[in-house]
Amino acid sequence: MVVAGEDVLVVLTEAAAAVRATLDALDDWGPAGTRPGQYRSDLVADEAVLSEESGSHDAERDVVVVVDPVDGSTNAARGVPWFATSLCALDRDGALAALVVNQATGEHFGAVRGGGAWRLAGERSGGAGGGRVLLRPSGAASLGSSLVLLSGYPSRHLGWKQFRALGAAALDLCAVAAGVADAYVDCSRDAHGAWDYLGGYLVCLEAGAAMADGDGRELVVRSYAERRTPLAAATSGLLDEVRAALTASAPKKG
């Protein structure tokens, strides 16, 4: 069965809107008291989709949608306007279509394999509507002149010019795709599941940014249990420099 990426994108958009409607009805955004790091927003958003919070559902289907209903739930609970619903549809050839929606602003980032990546301003951020704006990374080629987004913190300075730690991997990756930041570095080592980064992964690739796992593994996975160390950069040369710096900063084994 051949599934068109744009058709899948319509479904992803409807799913993100369903999450937003659920969040709009939420009065308490605090910890859920279920497991560490899980918030009430995670649970109510999960009622609208099958996702990170509820585990894997028939991962062997021809098309599987990997969902994080609230990426950056701590930000959401604290009122930091940097949290998102991230969705990525996978077919047998890899990532097919992706949508990352900043649920605080309504800003949409989308991508279809072979069709480029785009941004659509949201009404919550004062957007006036209009069509898609194609994304392009900054073109930065040197770590020493780059603004880097971090998840976690390395054991030593990696050589960046400036850094920010914003707390939502999917949106961080979209920021690299859009040229807002020059690179994204996961310093936590194997802390991210596929739901955290796959939406931003396809947006980055279709925008022309470079992505890799810190240990050289495949990023597109369907397993709920597997974890990765996603890295992204405006150019392949900058990505190589980021990977080398991160490897050099890792604690020595033995």
C-alpha atoms as a PDB file:
ATOM      1  CA  MET A   1       0.000   0.000   0.000  1.00  0.00           C
ATOM      2  CA  VAL A   2       1.389   3.393  -1.027  1.00  0.00           C
ATOM      3  CA  VAL A   3       0.479   6.257   1.299  1.00  0.00           C
ATOM      4  CA  ALA A   4       0.913   9.881   0.201  1.00  0.00           C
ATOM      5  CA  GLY A   5       2.874  12.028   2.636  1.00  0.00           C
ATOM      6  CA  GLU A   6       0.564  15.025   2.264  1.00  0.00           C
ATOM      7  CA  ASP A   7      -2.445  12.838   3.083  1.00  0.00           C
ATOM      8  CA  VAL A   8      -0.698  11.615   6.215  1.00  0.00           C
ATOM      9  CA  LEU A   9       0.128  15.209   7.126  1.00  0.00           C
ATOM     10  CA  VAL A  10      -3.595  16.021   7.210  1.00  0.00           C
ATOM     11  CA  VAL A  11      -4.112  13.263   9.782  1.00  0.00           C
ATOM     12  CA  LEU A  12      -1.139  14.460  11.849  1.00  0.00           C
ATOM     13  CA  THR A  13      -2.568  17.992  11.856  1.00  0.00           C
ATOM     14  CA  GLU A  14      -5.914  16.695  13.104  1.00  0.00           C
ATOM     15  CA  ALA A  15      -4.176  14.734  15.869  1.00  0.00           C
ATOM     16  CA  ALA A  16      -2.214  17.804  17.008  1.00  0.00           C
ATOM     17  CA  ALA A  17      -5.439  19.826  17.073  1.00  0.00           C
ATOM     18  CA  ALA A  18      -7.074  17.139  19.206  1.00  0.00           C
ATOM     19  CA  VAL A  19      -4.213  17.387  21.696  1.00  0.00           C
ATOM     20  CA  ARG A  20      -4.560  21.173  21.793  1.00  0.00           C
ATOM     21  CA  ALA A  21      -8.296  20.907  22.498  1.00  0.00           C
ATOM     22  CA  THR A  22      -7.573  18.521  25.369  1.00  0.00           C
ATOM     23  CA  LEU A  23      -4.929  20.837  26.816  1.00  0.00           C
ATOM     24  CA  ASP A  24      -7.287  23.821  26.595  1.00  0.00           C
ATOM     25  CA  ALA A  25      -9.619  22.057  29.024  1.00  0.00           C
ATOM     26  CA  LEU A  26      -6.848  21.327  31.541  1.00  0.00           C
ATOM     27  CA  ASP A  27      -6.868  23.258  34.821  1.00  0.00           C
ATOM     28  CA  ASP A  28      -3.911  21.614  36.583  1.00  0.00           C
ATOM     29  CA  TRP A  29      -0.677  21.269  34.581  1.00  0.00           C
ATOM     30  CA  GLY A  30       1.386  19.979  37.515  1.00  0.00           C
ATOM     31  CA  PRO A  31       2.958  16.566  38.197  1.00  0.00           C
ATOM     32  CA  ALA A  32       0.583  13.647  37.748  1.00  0.00           C
ATOM     33  CA  GLY A  33       1.956  11.638  40.659  1.00  0.00           C
ATOM     34  CA  THR A  34       2.202   8.548  38.454  1.00  0.00           C
ATOM     35  CA  ARG A  35       5.898   8.315  37.606  1.00  0.00           C
ATOM     36  CA  PRO A  36       8.817  10.765  37.785  1.00  0.00           C
ATOM     37  CA  GLY A  37       8.673  13.443  35.108  1.00  0.00           C
ATOM     38  CA  GLN A  38       5.079  12.726  34.064  1.00  0.00           C
ATOM     39  CA  TYR A  39       2.662  15.655  34.169  1.00  0.00           C
ATOM     40  CA  ARG A  40      -1.103  15.884  34.017  1.00  0.00           C
ATOM     41  CA  SER A  41      -0.734  17.430  30.563  1.00  0.00           C
ATOM     42  CA  ASP A  42       1.008  14.227  29.386  1.00  0.00           C
ATOM     43  CA  LEU A  43      -1.883  12.065  30.552  1.00  0.00           C
ATOM     44  CA  VAL A  44      -4.760  14.131  29.184  1.00  0.00           C
ATOM     45  CA  ALA A  45      -2.981  14.699  25.867  1.00  0.00           C
ATOM     46  CA  ASP A  46      -2.367  10.958  25.618  1.00  0.00           C
ATOM     47  CA  GLU A  47      -6.118  10.409  25.649  1.00  0.00           C
ATOM     48  CA  ALA A  48      -6.249  12.005  22.197  1.00  0.00           C
ATOM     49  CA  VAL A  49      -3.480   9.924  20.570  1.00  0.00           C
ATOM     50  CA  LEU A  50      -1.453   6.739  20.933  1.00  0.00           C
ATOM     51  CA  SER A  51       1.960   7.870  22.026  1.00  0.00           C
ATOM     52  CA  GLU A  52       5.000   7.942  24.269  1.00  0.00           C
ATOM     53  CA  GLU A  53       2.902   7.758  27.417  1.00  0.00           C
ATOM     54  CA  SER A  54       0.944   4.645  26.433  1.00  0.00           C
ATOM     55  CA  GLY A  55       3.699   2.664  24.760  1.00  0.00           C
ATOM     56  CA  SER A  56       3.927   0.891  21.415  1.00  0.00           C
ATOM     57  CA  HIS A  57       0.860  -0.215  19.468  1.00  0.00           C
ATOM     58  CA  ASP A  58       1.532  -2.694  16.613  1.00  0.00           C
ATOM     59  CA  ALA A  59       4.893  -1.271  15.528  1.00  0.00           C
ATOM     60  CA  GLU A  60       4.982  -3.733  12.600  1.00  0.00           C
ATOM     61  CA  ARG A  61       2.279  -1.964  10.580  1.00  0.00           C
ATOM     62  CA  ASP A  62       3.251  -0.564   7.178  1.00  0.00           C
ATOM     63  CA  VAL A  63       2.753   2.967   8.527  1.00  0.00           C
ATOM     64  CA  VAL A  64       3.390   3.803  12.185  1.00  0.00           C
ATOM     65  CA  VAL A  65       2.993   7.246  13.762  1.00  0.00           C
ATOM     66  CA  VAL A  66       5.439   8.087  16.536  1.00  0.00           C
ATOM     67  CA  VAL A  67       3.941  10.695  18.847  1.00  0.00           C
ATOM     68  CA  ASP A  68       5.001  12.811  21.781  1.00  0.00           C
ATOM     69  CA  PRO A  69       1.781  14.574  22.838  1.00  0.00           C
ATOM     70  CA  VAL A  70       3.601  17.097  25.038  1.00  0.00           C
ATOM     71  CA  ASP A  71       7.311  17.446  24.368  1.00  0.00           C
ATOM     72  CA  GLY A  72       8.581  19.840  27.031  1.00  0.00           C
ATOM     73  CA  SER A  73       5.931  19.090  29.648  1.00  0.00           C
ATOM     74  CA  THR A  74       8.020  20.731  32.390  1.00  0.00           C
ATOM     75  CA  ASN A  75       8.016  23.924  30.327  1.00  0.00           C
ATOM     76  CA  ALA A  76       4.260  23.597  29.903  1.00  0.00           C
ATOM     77  CA  ALA A  77       3.739  23.158  33.643  1.00  0.00           C
ATOM     78  CA  ARG A  78       5.934  26.170  34.419  1.00  0.00           C
ATOM     79  CA  GLY A  79       4.411  28.435  31.797  1.00  0.00           C
ATOM     80  CA  VAL A  80       7.449  28.493  29.511  1.00  0.00           C
ATOM     81  CA  PRO A  81       6.047  28.872  25.954  1.00  0.00           C
ATOM     82  CA  TRP A  82       8.289  26.224  24.427  1.00  0.00           C
ATOM     83  CA  PHE A  83       6.432  22.896  24.366  1.00  0.00           C
ATOM     84  CA  ALA A  84       5.053  20.938  21.472  1.00  0.00           C
ATOM     85  CA  THR A  85       3.113  18.047  20.070  1.00  0.00           C
ATOM     86  CA  SER A  86       5.483  16.098  17.829  1.00  0.00           C
ATOM     87  CA  LEU A  87       4.333  13.492  15.305  1.00  0.00           C
ATOM     88  CA  CYS A  88       6.231  11.518  12.683  1.00  0.00           C
ATOM     89  CA  ALA A  89       4.773   8.897  10.340  1.00  0.00           C
ATOM     90  CA  LEU A  90       7.133   6.068   9.400  1.00  0.00           C
ATOM     91  CA  ASP A  91       6.689   3.740   6.454  1.00  0.00           C
ATOM     92  CA  ARG A  92       8.933   0.921   5.295  1.00  0.00           C
ATOM     93  CA  ASP A  93      11.340   3.420   3.741  1.00  0.00           C
ATOM     94  CA  GLY A  94      11.760   5.571   6.849  1.00  0.00           C
ATOM     95  CA  ALA A  95      10.293   8.906   7.912  1.00  0.00           C
ATOM     96  CA  LEU A  96       7.421   9.851   5.585  1.00  0.00           C
ATOM     97  CA  ALA A  97       5.754  12.929   7.097  1.00  0.00           C
ATOM     98  CA  ALA A  98       6.229  14.973  10.262  1.00  0.00           C
ATOM     99  CA  LEU A  99       4.519  17.746  12.162  1.00  0.00           C
ATOM    100  CA  VAL A 100       5.751  19.633  15.214  1.00  0.00           C
ATOM    101  CA  VAL A 101       3.327  22.152  16.717  1.00  0.00           C
ATOM    102  CA  ASN A 102       4.361  24.640  19.390  1.00  0.00           C
ATOM    103  CA  GLN A 103       1.219  24.345  21.466  1.00  0.00           C
ATOM    104  CA  ALA A 104       1.952  27.613  23.275  1.00  0.00           C
ATOM    105  CA  THR A 105       2.062  29.701  20.079  1.00  0.00           C
ATOM    106  CA  GLY A 106       0.293  27.573  17.483  1.00  0.00           C
ATOM    107  CA  GLU A 107       3.345  27.659  15.220  1.00  0.00           C
ATOM    108  CA  HIS A 108       3.531  24.614  12.926  1.00  0.00           C
ATOM    109  CA  PHE A 109       6.651  23.003  11.493  1.00  0.00           C
ATOM    110  CA  GLY A 110       6.025  20.319   8.881  1.00  0.00           C
ATOM    111  CA  ALA A 111       7.832  18.137   6.390  1.00  0.00           C
ATOM    112  CA  VAL A 112       7.085  15.465   3.809  1.00  0.00           C
ATOM    113  CA  ARG A 113       9.811  13.196   2.496  1.00  0.00           C
ATOM    114  CA  GLY A 114      11.110  14.692  -0.724  1.00  0.00           C
ATOM    115  CA  GLY A 115       8.859  17.734  -0.361  1.00  0.00           C
ATOM    116  CA  GLY A 116      10.877  20.102   1.804  1.00  0.00           C
ATOM    117  CA  ALA A 117      10.182  21.545   5.254  1.00  0.00           C
ATOM    118  CA  TRP A 118       8.086  24.556   6.161  1.00  0.00           C
ATOM    119  CA  ARG A 119       6.821  26.784   8.923  1.00  0.00           C
ATOM    120  CA  LEU A 120       3.324  28.163   9.420  1.00  0.00           C
ATOM    121  CA  ALA A 121       2.789  30.965  11.942  1.00  0.00           C
ATOM    122  CA  GLY A 122       0.134  30.337  14.574  1.00  0.00           C
ATOM    123  CA  GLU A 123      -2.676  32.575  15.743  1.00  0.00           C
ATOM    124  CA  ARG A 124      -1.500  32.239  19.351  1.00  0.00           C
ATOM    125  CA  SER A 125       1.753  33.967  18.407  1.00  0.00           C
ATOM    126  CA  GLY A 126       0.019  36.743  16.523  1.00  0.00           C
ATOM    127  CA  GLY A 127       0.458  35.075  13.148  1.00  0.00           C
ATOM    128  CA  ALA A 128      -1.637  36.521  10.390  1.00  0.00           C
ATOM    129  CA  GLY A 129      -2.160  33.238   8.584  1.00  0.00           C
ATOM    130  CA  GLY A 130      -0.953  32.834   5.037  1.00  0.00           C
ATOM    131  CA  GLY A 131       0.904  29.986   3.401  1.00  0.00           C
ATOM    132  CA  ARG A 132       3.853  27.864   4.272  1.00  0.00           C
ATOM    133  CA  VAL A 133       7.297  29.439   4.538  1.00  0.00           C
ATOM    134  CA  LEU A 134      10.098  27.107   3.494  1.00  0.00           C
ATOM    135  CA  LEU A 135      12.767  26.468   6.105  1.00  0.00           C
ATOM    136  CA  ARG A 136      16.480  26.909   5.567  1.00  0.00           C
ATOM    137  CA  PRO A 137      19.263  26.337   8.136  1.00  0.00           C
ATOM    138  CA  SER A 138      21.727  29.109   8.938  1.00  0.00           C
ATOM    139  CA  GLY A 139      24.653  27.710   6.982  1.00  0.00           C
ATOM    140  CA  ALA A 140      26.964  27.990  10.007  1.00  0.00           C
ATOM    141  CA  ALA A 141      30.110  25.927   9.514  1.00  0.00           C
ATOM    142  CA  SER A 142      32.159  26.606  12.665  1.00  0.00           C
ATOM    143  CA  LEU A 143      31.310  25.630  16.238  1.00  0.00           C
ATOM    144  CA  GLY A 144      33.255  28.616  17.521  1.00  0.00           C
ATOM    145  CA  SER A 145      30.825  31.016  15.858  1.00  0.00           C
ATOM    146  CA  SER A 146      27.636  29.045  16.542  1.00  0.00           C
ATOM    147  CA  LEU A 147      24.610  29.362  18.788  1.00  0.00           C
ATOM    148  CA  VAL A 148      24.037  25.843  20.114  1.00  0.00           C
ATOM    149  CA  LEU A 149      20.951  24.389  21.800  1.00  0.00           C
ATOM    150  CA  LEU A 150      21.704  21.858  24.522  1.00  0.00           C
ATOM    151  CA  SER A 151      19.887  18.978  26.155  1.00  0.00           C
ATOM    152  CA  GLY A 152      21.746  18.201  29.332  1.00  0.00           C
ATOM    153  CA  TYR A 153      25.202  19.660  29.796  1.00  0.00           C
ATOM    154  CA  PRO A 154      28.619  18.318  28.757  1.00  0.00           C
ATOM    155  CA  SER A 155      31.473  17.668  31.160  1.00  0.00           C
ATOM    156  CA  ARG A 156      33.354  20.579  29.627  1.00  0.00           C
ATOM    157  CA  HIS A 157      32.812  23.502  27.261  1.00  0.00           C
ATOM    158  CA  LEU A 158      32.510  22.204  23.692  1.00  0.00           C
ATOM    159  CA  GLY A 159      33.748  25.360  22.002  1.00  0.00           C
ATOM    160  CA  TRP A 160      30.475  27.042  21.044  1.00  0.00           C
ATOM    161  CA  LYS A 161      30.092  30.819  20.887  1.00  0.00           C
ATOM    162  CA  GLN A 162      26.800  30.811  22.817  1.00  0.00           C
ATOM    163  CA  PHE A 163      24.351  28.196  24.055  1.00  0.00           C
ATOM    164  CA  ARG A 164      20.743  27.912  25.177  1.00  0.00           C
ATOM    165  CA  ALA A 165      18.937  25.057  26.956  1.00  0.00           C
ATOM    166  CA  LEU A 166      15.265  25.376  26.027  1.00  0.00           C
ATOM    167  CA  GLY A 167      13.893  21.995  27.103  1.00  0.00           C
ATOM    168  CA  ALA A 168      11.919  20.609  24.154  1.00  0.00           C
ATOM    169  CA  ALA A 169      13.932  18.499  21.710  1.00  0.00           C
ATOM    170  CA  ALA A 170      11.405  18.555  18.858  1.00  0.00           C
ATOM    171  CA  LEU A 171      11.196  22.349  18.834  1.00  0.00           C
ATOM    172  CA  ASP A 172      14.952  22.664  19.318  1.00  0.00           C
ATOM    173  CA  LEU A 173      15.511  20.615  16.166  1.00  0.00           C
ATOM    174  CA  CYS A 174      13.003  22.733  14.254  1.00  0.00           C
ATOM    175  CA  ALA A 175      14.920  25.823  15.389  1.00  0.00           C
ATOM    176  CA  VAL A 176      18.028  24.396  13.718  1.00  0.00           C
ATOM    177  CA  ALA A 177      16.032  23.664  10.559  1.00  0.00           C
ATOM    178  CA  ALA A 178      14.744  27.242  10.544  1.00  0.00           C
ATOM    179  CA  GLY A 179      18.156  28.841  11.062  1.00  0.00           C
ATOM    180  CA  VAL A 180      17.203  30.219  14.486  1.00  0.00           C
ATOM    181  CA  ALA A 181      19.956  28.114  16.072  1.00  0.00           C
ATOM    182  CA  ASP A 182      23.024  26.606  14.431  1.00  0.00           C
ATOM    183  CA  ALA A 183      23.182  23.229  16.165  1.00  0.00           C
ATOM    184  CA  TYR A 184      21.492  20.951  18.683  1.00  0.00           C
ATOM    185  CA  VAL A 185      23.552  18.773  21.015  1.00  0.00           C
ATOM    186  CA  ASP A 186      22.188  16.007  23.234  1.00  0.00           C
ATOM    187  CA  CYS A 187      24.708  15.762  26.062  1.00  0.00           C
ATOM    188  CA  SER A 188      22.724  13.224  28.101  1.00  0.00           C
ATOM    189  CA  ARG A 189      23.748  10.129  26.075  1.00  0.00           C
ATOM    190  CA  ASP A 190      20.946   7.734  25.176  1.00  0.00           C
ATOM    191  CA  ALA A 191      18.274   9.781  26.943  1.00  0.00           C
ATOM    192  CA  HIS A 192      15.878  10.292  24.026  1.00  0.00           C
ATOM    193  CA  GLY A 193      13.285   7.950  22.586  1.00  0.00           C
ATOM    194  CA  ALA A 194      12.166   8.113  18.966  1.00  0.00           C
ATOM    195  CA  TRP A 195       9.104  10.180  19.935  1.00  0.00           C
ATOM    196  CA  ASP A 196      11.382  12.946  21.215  1.00  0.00           C
ATOM    197  CA  TYR A 197      13.271  13.600  18.002  1.00  0.00           C
ATOM    198  CA  LEU A 198      11.720  11.964  14.913  1.00  0.00           C
ATOM    199  CA  GLY A 199       9.345  14.846  14.148  1.00  0.00           C
ATOM    200  CA  GLY A 200      12.228  17.314  14.249  1.00  0.00           C
ATOM    201  CA  TYR A 201      14.464  14.826  12.442  1.00  0.00           C
ATOM    202  CA  LEU A 202      12.468  14.886   9.210  1.00  0.00           C
ATOM    203  CA  VAL A 203      11.977  18.656   9.431  1.00  0.00           C
ATOM    204  CA  CYS A 204      15.757  19.067   9.715  1.00  0.00           C
ATOM    205  CA  LEU A 205      16.572  16.727   6.854  1.00  0.00           C
ATOM    206  CA  GLU A 206      14.023  18.241   4.490  1.00  0.00           C
ATOM    207  CA  ALA A 207      15.223  21.752   5.345  1.00  0.00           C
ATOM    208  CA  GLY A 208      18.779  20.750   4.454  1.00  0.00           C
ATOM    209  CA  ALA A 209      20.247  20.489   7.954  1.00  0.00           C
ATOM    210  CA  ALA A 210      22.401  17.527   8.984  1.00  0.00           C
ATOM    211  CA  MET A 211      21.493  15.003  11.697  1.00  0.00           C
ATOM    212  CA  ALA A 212      23.159  11.984  13.266  1.00  0.00           C
ATOM    213  CA  ASP A 213      23.231   9.884  16.390  1.00  0.00           C
ATOM    214  CA  GLY A 214      26.145  10.640  18.688  1.00  0.00           C
ATOM    215  CA  ASP A 215      27.323   7.023  18.393  1.00  0.00           C
ATOM    216  CA  GLY A 216      26.648   6.621  14.684  1.00  0.00           C
ATOM    217  CA  ARG A 217      23.506   4.492  15.009  1.00  0.00           C
ATOM    218  CA  GLU A 218      20.368   4.670  12.883  1.00  0.00           C
ATOM    219  CA  LEU A 219      17.995   7.356  14.163  1.00  0.00           C
ATOM    220  CA  VAL A 220      14.829   6.009  12.560  1.00  0.00           C
ATOM    221  CA  VAL A 221      13.682   3.240  14.903  1.00  0.00           C
ATOM    222  CA  ARG A 222      10.287   1.767  15.736  1.00  0.00           C
ATOM    223  CA  SER A 223      11.218   0.195  19.049  1.00  0.00           C
ATOM    224  CA  TYR A 224       9.774   1.782  22.182  1.00  0.00           C
ATOM    225  CA  ALA A 225      12.753   0.651  24.246  1.00  0.00           C
ATOM    226  CA  GLU A 226      15.607   2.004  22.117  1.00  0.00           C
ATOM    227  CA  ARG A 227      17.266   5.297  23.021  1.00  0.00           C
ATOM    228  CA  ARG A 228      19.485   7.569  20.972  1.00  0.00           C
ATOM    229  CA  THR A 229      21.709  10.663  21.242  1.00  0.00           C
ATOM    230  CA  PRO A 230      20.422  12.969  18.476  1.00  0.00           C
ATOM    231  CA  LEU A 231      22.641  15.726  17.125  1.00  0.00           C
ATOM    232  CA  ALA A 232      21.764  18.307  14.474  1.00  0.00           C
ATOM    233  CA  ALA A 233      23.635  21.111  12.739  1.00  0.00           C
ATOM    234  CA  ALA A 234      23.187  23.624   9.952  1.00  0.00           C
ATOM    235  CA  THR A 235      25.900  21.936   7.847  1.00  0.00           C
ATOM    236  CA  SER A 236      27.581  18.550   7.695  1.00  0.00           C
ATOM    237  CA  GLY A 237      30.922  20.142   8.565  1.00  0.00           C
ATOM    238  CA  LEU A 238      29.497  21.686  11.718  1.00  0.00           C
ATOM    239  CA  LEU A 239      27.876  18.363  12.628  1.00  0.00           C
ATOM    240  CA  ASP A 240      31.239  16.631  12.343  1.00  0.00           C
ATOM    241  CA  GLU A 241      32.768  19.244  14.631  1.00  0.00           C
ATOM    242  CA  VAL A 242      29.943  18.836  17.149  1.00  0.00           C
ATOM    243  CA  ARG A 243      30.306  15.050  17.173  1.00  0.00           C
ATOM    244  CA  ALA A 244      34.065  15.269  17.642  1.00  0.00           C
ATOM    245  CA  ALA A 245      33.721  17.764  20.501  1.00  0.00           C
ATOM    246  CA  LEU A 246      31.052  15.667  22.222  1.00  0.00           C
ATOM    247  CA  THR A 247      33.127  12.495  21.892  1.00  0.00           C
ATOM    248  CA  ALA A 248      36.184  14.245  23.308  1.00  0.00           C
ATOM    249  CA  SER A 249      34.154  15.449  26.312  1.00  0.00           C
ATOM    250  CA  ALA A 250      32.809  11.982  27.180  1.00  0.00           C
ATOM    251  CA  PRO A 251      34.184  10.395  30.375  1.00  0.00           C
ATOM    252  CA  LYS A 252      36.889   7.845  29.675  1.00  0.00           C
ATOM    253  CA  LYS A 253      35.884   4.230  30.222  1.00  0.00           C
ATOM    254  CA  GLY A 254      37.854   2.068  32.595  1.00  0.00           C
END
